[in-house]
Amino acid sequence: MCLVQATGGSSTHKLVSAGAEKMIITRPDFVDPPGSKDISITRTARAPKEDKLVIHFCTCRCN
């Protein structure tokens, strides 16, 4: 869960690849095994509402 005030702010989260294969995510970016990437979420000031972030990922054998 990511709680950011309606007045704006940011939150940082870590996406971890714990498997043996590289992950590709929709940013586009890669997460090498075993490794992690920080994802920074920033919300600008505006009316309060429920925001959603969806990260699609899959494993890949690319170098």
C-alpha atoms as a PDB file:
ATOM      1  CA  MET A   1       0.000   0.000   0.000  1.00  0.00           C
ATOM      2  CA  CYS A   2       1.172   3.503  -0.803  1.00  0.00           C
ATOM      3  CA  LEU A   3      -0.307   6.407   1.142  1.00  0.00           C
ATOM      4  CA  VAL A   4       0.421   9.861  -0.268  1.00  0.00           C
ATOM      5  CA  GLN A   5      -1.364  13.025   0.889  1.00  0.00           C
ATOM      6  CA  ALA A   6      -3.797  14.769  -1.491  1.00  0.00           C
ATOM      7  CA  THR A   7      -1.588  17.859  -1.113  1.00  0.00           C
ATOM      8  CA  GLY A   8       1.152  15.929  -2.946  1.00  0.00           C
ATOM      9  CA  GLY A   9       4.191  13.920  -1.985  1.00  0.00           C
ATOM     10  CA  SER A  10       6.150  10.830  -2.891  1.00  0.00           C
ATOM     11  CA  SER A  11       6.762   7.293  -1.727  1.00  0.00           C
ATOM     12  CA  THR A  12       9.592   4.908  -2.655  1.00  0.00           C
ATOM     13  CA  HIS A  13       9.125   1.140  -2.962  1.00  0.00           C
ATOM     14  CA  LYS A  14      11.479  -1.704  -3.855  1.00  0.00           C
ATOM     15  CA  LEU A  15      10.698  -4.234  -6.584  1.00  0.00           C
ATOM     16  CA  VAL A  16      12.704  -7.413  -5.890  1.00  0.00           C
ATOM     17  CA  SER A  17      13.673 -10.194  -8.294  1.00  0.00           C
ATOM     18  CA  ALA A  18      14.211 -13.214  -6.053  1.00  0.00           C
ATOM     19  CA  GLY A  19      14.138 -15.815  -8.829  1.00  0.00           C
ATOM     20  CA  ALA A  20      16.871 -17.091 -11.124  1.00  0.00           C
ATOM     21  CA  GLU A  21      15.658 -15.232 -14.237  1.00  0.00           C
ATOM     22  CA  LYS A  22      15.710 -11.558 -15.172  1.00  0.00           C
ATOM     23  CA  MET A  23      12.376  -9.716 -14.860  1.00  0.00           C
ATOM     24  CA  ILE A  24      11.144  -7.185 -17.390  1.00  0.00           C
ATOM     25  CA  ILE A  25       8.635  -4.606 -16.149  1.00  0.00           C
ATOM     26  CA  THR A  26       6.334  -2.193 -17.970  1.00  0.00           C
ATOM     27  CA  ARG A  27       8.401   0.935 -17.237  1.00  0.00           C
ATOM     28  CA  PRO A  28      10.325  -0.435 -19.440  1.00  0.00           C
ATOM     29  CA  ASP A  29      13.195  -1.666 -17.334  1.00  0.00           C
ATOM     30  CA  PHE A  30      14.870  -4.856 -16.159  1.00  0.00           C
ATOM     31  CA  VAL A  31      15.544  -6.283 -12.698  1.00  0.00           C
ATOM     32  CA  ASP A  32      18.553  -8.612 -12.745  1.00  0.00           C
ATOM     33  CA  PRO A  33      18.555 -11.647 -10.423  1.00  0.00           C
ATOM     34  CA  PRO A  34      19.185 -11.459  -7.565  1.00  0.00           C
ATOM     35  CA  GLY A  35      18.523  -7.757  -7.527  1.00  0.00           C
ATOM     36  CA  SER A  36      16.066  -4.977  -6.916  1.00  0.00           C
ATOM     37  CA  LYS A  37      14.925  -1.612  -8.294  1.00  0.00           C
ATOM     38  CA  ASP A  38      13.588   1.352  -6.375  1.00  0.00           C
ATOM     39  CA  ILE A  39      10.313   2.713  -7.721  1.00  0.00           C
ATOM     40  CA  SER A  40       9.459   6.277  -6.749  1.00  0.00           C
ATOM     41  CA  ILE A  41       5.778   7.227  -6.817  1.00  0.00           C
ATOM     42  CA  THR A  42       5.002  10.957  -6.900  1.00  0.00           C
ATOM     43  CA  ARG A  43       1.555  12.510  -6.635  1.00  0.00           C
ATOM     44  CA  THR A  44       0.942  16.155  -7.453  1.00  0.00           C
ATOM     45  CA  ALA A  45      -1.522  18.190  -5.384  1.00  0.00           C
ATOM     46  CA  ARG A  46      -5.121  17.699  -6.542  1.00  0.00           C
ATOM     47  CA  ALA A  47      -8.496  16.557  -5.237  1.00  0.00           C
ATOM     48  CA  PRO A  48      -8.402  13.350  -3.141  1.00  0.00           C
ATOM     49  CA  LYS A  49      -9.300  10.145  -4.972  1.00  0.00           C
ATOM     50  CA  GLU A  50      -8.255   6.505  -5.057  1.00  0.00           C
ATOM     51  CA  ASP A  51      -5.274   6.124  -7.396  1.00  0.00           C
ATOM     52  CA  LYS A  52      -4.021   2.784  -8.700  1.00  0.00           C
ATOM     53  CA  LEU A  53      -0.612   1.656  -9.891  1.00  0.00           C
ATOM     54  CA  VAL A  54      -0.350  -1.624 -11.780  1.00  0.00           C
ATOM     55  CA  ILE A  55       3.050  -3.080 -12.675  1.00  0.00           C
ATOM     56  CA  HIS A  56       3.004  -5.835 -15.286  1.00  0.00           C
ATOM     57  CA  PHE A  57       6.067  -8.057 -15.358  1.00  0.00           C
ATOM     58  CA  CYS A  58       7.369 -11.318 -16.753  1.00  0.00           C
ATOM     59  CA  THR A  59      10.623 -13.228 -16.654  1.00  0.00           C
ATOM     60  CA  CYS A  60      12.979 -13.221 -19.610  1.00  0.00           C
ATOM     61  CA  ARG A  61      16.215 -14.884 -20.641  1.00  0.00           C
ATOM     62  CA  CYS A  62      17.695 -11.823 -22.369  1.00  0.00           C
ATOM     63  CA  ASN A  63      21.172 -10.500 -21.613  1.00  0.00           C
END
